[in-house]
Every structure is written in C-alpha cells, then in structure tokens.
Amino acid sequence: MDVKIRRETAGDHQNITVVNNLAFGQKNEGQLILRLRKTKKFIPELSLVAEMEGRIVGHILFYPIEIRSEGKVFPSLALAPMAVLPEYQKKGIGGQLVKEGLKRARKLGFKSVIVLGHAAYYPRFGFEPASRWSIRSPFDVPDDVFMALELVREGLKGLQGVVVYPPEFSEV
C-alpha cells in the first residue's frame, strides 16, 4: 500500500472530520479537532493525514497539554485523536501516522507524549502506563489505557502529577 503521510492543509479539514466521524462512529472527535484547530496552541505541523491515491484515509493530532504538580507545570503533548477509515483499518496506516507524528514531535523539541488509548495497541510504539512516572489522568480510567512515552531519554524523569487537558477536550 502506497500511503503518503503529510501535514494537513485547509482543504483537508472537511475530510478529516469525516474520517474521524466514521472511525469513531460519532461526531465528538471531529468536533474536538475543529475546536482545537481554532486555538492559539494548535500546532499545524502535528496534525497529519494519511493519503492514498488522493484520498484522506487517516488522521492524527498531537496537541499541547500540561502535567501539573505542586505548583509546577511541565509541557507535554496529547496524542488525540487518531483515526483511520473503517475500511482501511488493520493495514498499518495508524502505525505510520503514530511513528511519523512522534518523529515530528521530537524534532519540534517535545520531550513526552500522553495517550488515552487501547492498551494492546500503543505499547508497540513504546508507550507505557503513565503511572510508571506517577503521572495521573484527570479522568477515572484503568491504569493500562492511560500511557506516556518519553520522546527523549529521561524526558519524564522526576515528573509526577496530573495531566491537564485544555477545556476543548471536555466540551465534546
């Protein structure tokens, strides 16, 4: 399969919404992306699409978040959301999006990424339960689905605290 991973363009916005709506079977993730895109913290270089034969079949977004502890704030990224059209799932497209996104996040100087996702999927990219670093979710979720990844060696060393997502995440 010839898949091209590239940065989103303004002309991709509607297709990105469709991909997310179909992949998740609801409109929440599509709405989330629309809202995040309007914020000052949105990083266009970290909103990527997977394209096959001119058709957008997947999308991934990495968005700035914070880890807060005892008055200290540590920057990080959330991997959220990631979607592939149902008929293209289980073909490695999501994996290509994750790898390319992590590579670009590392190049931009980010030290870590947090994901709330499938416990059997994300560890293949190096994600581990965030509790390993005493990093907690603001949501009541099982330990094995709230994960973190160091983009650089010891990128989470000495950190602990609660992840704070921007309000857009709870508005949808």
Protein backbone atom coordinates (compact mmCIF):
# COMPACT_ATOMS: atom_id res chain seq x y z
CA MET A 1 0.00 0.00 0.00
CA ASP A 2 1.34 3.37 -1.00
CA VAL A 3 0.45 5.71 1.87
CA LYS A 4 1.62 9.29 2.00
CA ILE A 5 1.79 10.92 5.44
CA ARG A 6 1.74 14.70 5.30
CA ARG A 7 0.74 17.79 7.23
CA GLU A 8 -2.91 18.75 6.92
CA THR A 9 -3.93 21.64 4.71
CA ALA A 10 -7.01 23.86 4.93
CA GLY A 11 -8.50 21.89 2.07
CA ASP A 12 -8.33 18.72 4.19
CA HIS A 13 -10.48 19.92 7.10
CA GLN A 14 -13.82 18.51 5.92
CA ASN A 15 -12.27 15.14 5.02
CA ILE A 16 -10.52 14.96 8.41
CA THR A 17 -13.87 15.48 10.13
CA VAL A 18 -15.45 12.72 8.01
CA VAL A 19 -12.59 10.29 8.75
CA ASN A 20 -12.94 10.85 12.50
CA ASN A 21 -16.74 10.66 12.48
CA LEU A 22 -16.69 7.35 10.58
CA ALA A 23 -13.79 5.84 12.53
CA PHE A 24 -15.35 6.60 15.91
CA GLY A 25 -18.99 6.21 14.86
CA GLN A 26 -19.83 9.58 16.39
CA LYS A 27 -19.13 13.28 15.89
CA ASN A 28 -17.25 14.06 19.13
CA GLU A 29 -13.71 13.62 17.79
CA GLY A 30 -14.47 15.54 14.61
CA GLN A 31 -15.87 18.40 16.70
CA LEU A 32 -12.85 18.26 19.02
CA ILE A 33 -10.44 18.73 16.12
CA LEU A 34 -12.45 21.68 14.78
CA ARG A 35 -12.30 23.35 18.21
CA LEU A 36 -8.62 22.63 18.82
CA ARG A 37 -7.69 23.97 15.39
CA LYS A 38 -9.12 27.37 16.40
CA THR A 39 -6.91 27.70 19.50
CA LYS A 40 -3.61 29.56 19.75
CA LYS A 41 -1.85 26.39 20.94
CA PHE A 42 -2.73 24.34 17.85
CA ILE A 43 0.43 23.18 16.05
CA PRO A 44 -0.33 22.64 12.34
CA GLU A 45 2.86 20.57 11.90
CA LEU A 46 1.41 18.00 14.31
CA SER A 47 -1.90 17.46 12.52
CA LEU A 48 -1.14 14.80 9.93
CA VAL A 49 -3.15 12.97 7.32
CA ALA A 50 -2.64 9.61 5.65
CA GLU A 51 -3.43 9.83 1.96
CA MET A 52 -3.88 7.03 -0.57
CA GLU A 53 -4.47 7.76 -4.23
CA GLY A 54 -5.52 11.31 -3.38
CA ARG A 55 -7.99 10.22 -0.68
CA ILE A 56 -7.55 11.00 3.00
CA VAL A 57 -7.91 7.70 4.83
CA GLY A 58 -6.44 8.62 8.23
CA HIS A 59 -5.62 11.47 10.58
CA ILE A 60 -3.64 12.03 13.76
CA LEU A 61 -3.36 15.06 16.01
CA PHE A 62 -0.84 15.85 18.72
CA TYR A 63 -1.89 18.74 20.95
CA PRO A 64 -0.06 20.58 23.78
CA ILE A 65 -1.11 19.65 27.30
CA GLU A 66 0.39 20.12 30.75
CA ILE A 67 1.42 17.89 33.61
CA ARG A 68 0.87 19.82 36.86
CA SER A 69 2.27 19.05 40.29
CA GLU A 70 2.69 21.20 43.38
CA GLY A 71 2.66 24.48 41.50
CA LYS A 72 4.96 23.24 38.77
CA VAL A 73 3.87 22.89 35.15
CA PHE A 74 5.55 20.57 32.67
CA PRO A 75 4.69 20.75 28.95
CA SER A 76 3.78 17.59 27.05
CA LEU A 77 1.65 16.50 24.11
CA ALA A 78 -1.58 14.54 23.90
CA LEU A 79 -1.92 12.06 21.06
CA ALA A 80 -5.60 12.59 20.40
CA PRO A 81 -7.39 11.73 18.34
CA MET A 82 -6.07 9.22 15.81
CA ALA A 83 -8.47 7.79 13.25
CA VAL A 84 -8.43 5.61 10.14
CA LEU A 85 -11.43 5.00 7.91
CA PRO A 86 -13.00 1.66 8.90
CA GLU A 87 -12.29 0.00 5.54
CA TYR A 88 -8.58 0.89 5.85
CA GLN A 89 -8.08 -0.19 9.46
CA LYS A 90 -5.70 -3.03 10.37
CA LYS A 91 -3.47 -2.24 7.39
CA GLY A 92 -0.71 -0.39 9.26
CA ILE A 93 -1.89 3.13 8.41
CA GLY A 94 -2.45 4.11 12.02
CA GLY A 95 1.03 2.89 12.89
CA GLN A 96 2.54 5.01 10.14
CA LEU A 97 0.66 8.05 11.44
CA VAL A 98 1.85 7.43 15.01
CA LYS A 99 5.50 6.93 14.01
CA GLU A 100 5.62 9.99 11.78
CA GLY A 101 3.84 12.11 14.39
CA LEU A 102 6.26 11.05 17.13
CA LYS A 103 9.20 11.81 14.85
CA ARG A 104 7.87 15.31 14.11
CA ALA A 105 7.08 15.98 17.79
CA ARG A 106 10.64 15.01 18.70
CA LYS A 107 12.02 17.36 16.00
CA LEU A 108 9.93 20.21 17.43
CA GLY A 109 11.58 19.68 20.83
CA PHE A 110 8.82 17.96 22.77
CA LYS A 111 10.01 15.56 25.46
CA SER A 112 6.93 13.39 26.00
CA VAL A 113 3.53 12.30 24.74
CA ILE A 114 0.48 11.16 26.69
CA VAL A 115 -2.25 8.95 25.22
CA LEU A 116 -5.54 7.60 26.48
CA GLY A 117 -5.98 4.62 24.22
CA HIS A 118 -6.00 0.90 23.59
CA ALA A 119 -3.71 -0.96 25.99
CA ALA A 120 -2.84 -3.56 23.35
CA TYR A 121 -2.04 -1.03 20.60
CA TYR A 122 0.09 1.84 21.87
CA PRO A 123 2.79 -0.15 23.73
CA ARG A 124 4.16 -1.26 20.33
CA PHE A 125 5.36 2.34 19.91
CA GLY A 126 6.98 2.43 23.33
CA PHE A 127 4.09 3.78 25.40
CA GLU A 128 3.89 2.54 28.99
CA PRO A 129 1.37 3.16 31.76
CA ALA A 130 1.84 6.79 32.85
CA SER A 131 1.69 5.60 36.45
CA ARG A 132 5.30 4.45 35.96
CA TRP A 133 6.20 8.14 36.32
CA SER A 134 3.43 8.89 38.86
CA ILE A 135 1.53 10.74 36.17
CA ARG A 136 -2.22 10.55 36.65
CA SER A 137 -5.20 11.04 34.42
CA PRO A 138 -7.82 13.65 35.27
CA PHE A 139 -10.40 11.01 34.28
CA ASP A 140 -11.33 7.80 36.04
CA VAL A 141 -9.76 5.30 33.62
CA PRO A 142 -7.93 1.99 34.01
CA ASP A 143 -4.18 2.32 34.53
CA ASP A 144 -3.29 0.35 31.41
CA VAL A 145 -5.08 2.71 28.99
CA PHE A 146 -3.50 5.95 30.24
CA MET A 147 0.02 5.87 28.85
CA ALA A 148 3.11 8.01 28.38
CA LEU A 149 6.14 7.94 26.13
CA GLU A 150 9.46 9.70 26.52
CA LEU A 151 10.48 11.25 23.21
CA VAL A 152 13.96 11.91 24.54
CA ARG A 153 15.94 9.96 27.10
CA GLU A 154 14.65 10.75 30.60
CA GLY A 155 12.06 13.13 29.13
CA LEU A 156 9.77 12.36 32.06
CA LYS A 157 12.44 11.86 34.73
CA GLY A 158 11.44 13.39 38.02
CA LEU A 159 7.99 14.35 36.78
CA GLN A 160 4.79 13.47 38.52
CA GLY A 161 1.36 14.97 38.69
CA VAL A 162 -1.95 15.19 36.90
CA VAL A 163 -2.37 15.75 33.18
CA VAL A 164 -4.40 18.85 32.39
CA TYR A 165 -6.19 18.86 29.09
CA PRO A 166 -7.50 22.09 27.56
CA PRO A 167 -11.22 22.75 28.04
CA GLU A 168 -11.99 21.75 24.42
CA PHE A 169 -11.41 18.11 25.39
CA SER A 170 -14.28 18.15 27.86
CA GLU A 171 -16.64 20.23 25.70
CA VAL A 172 -17.39 17.40 23.28
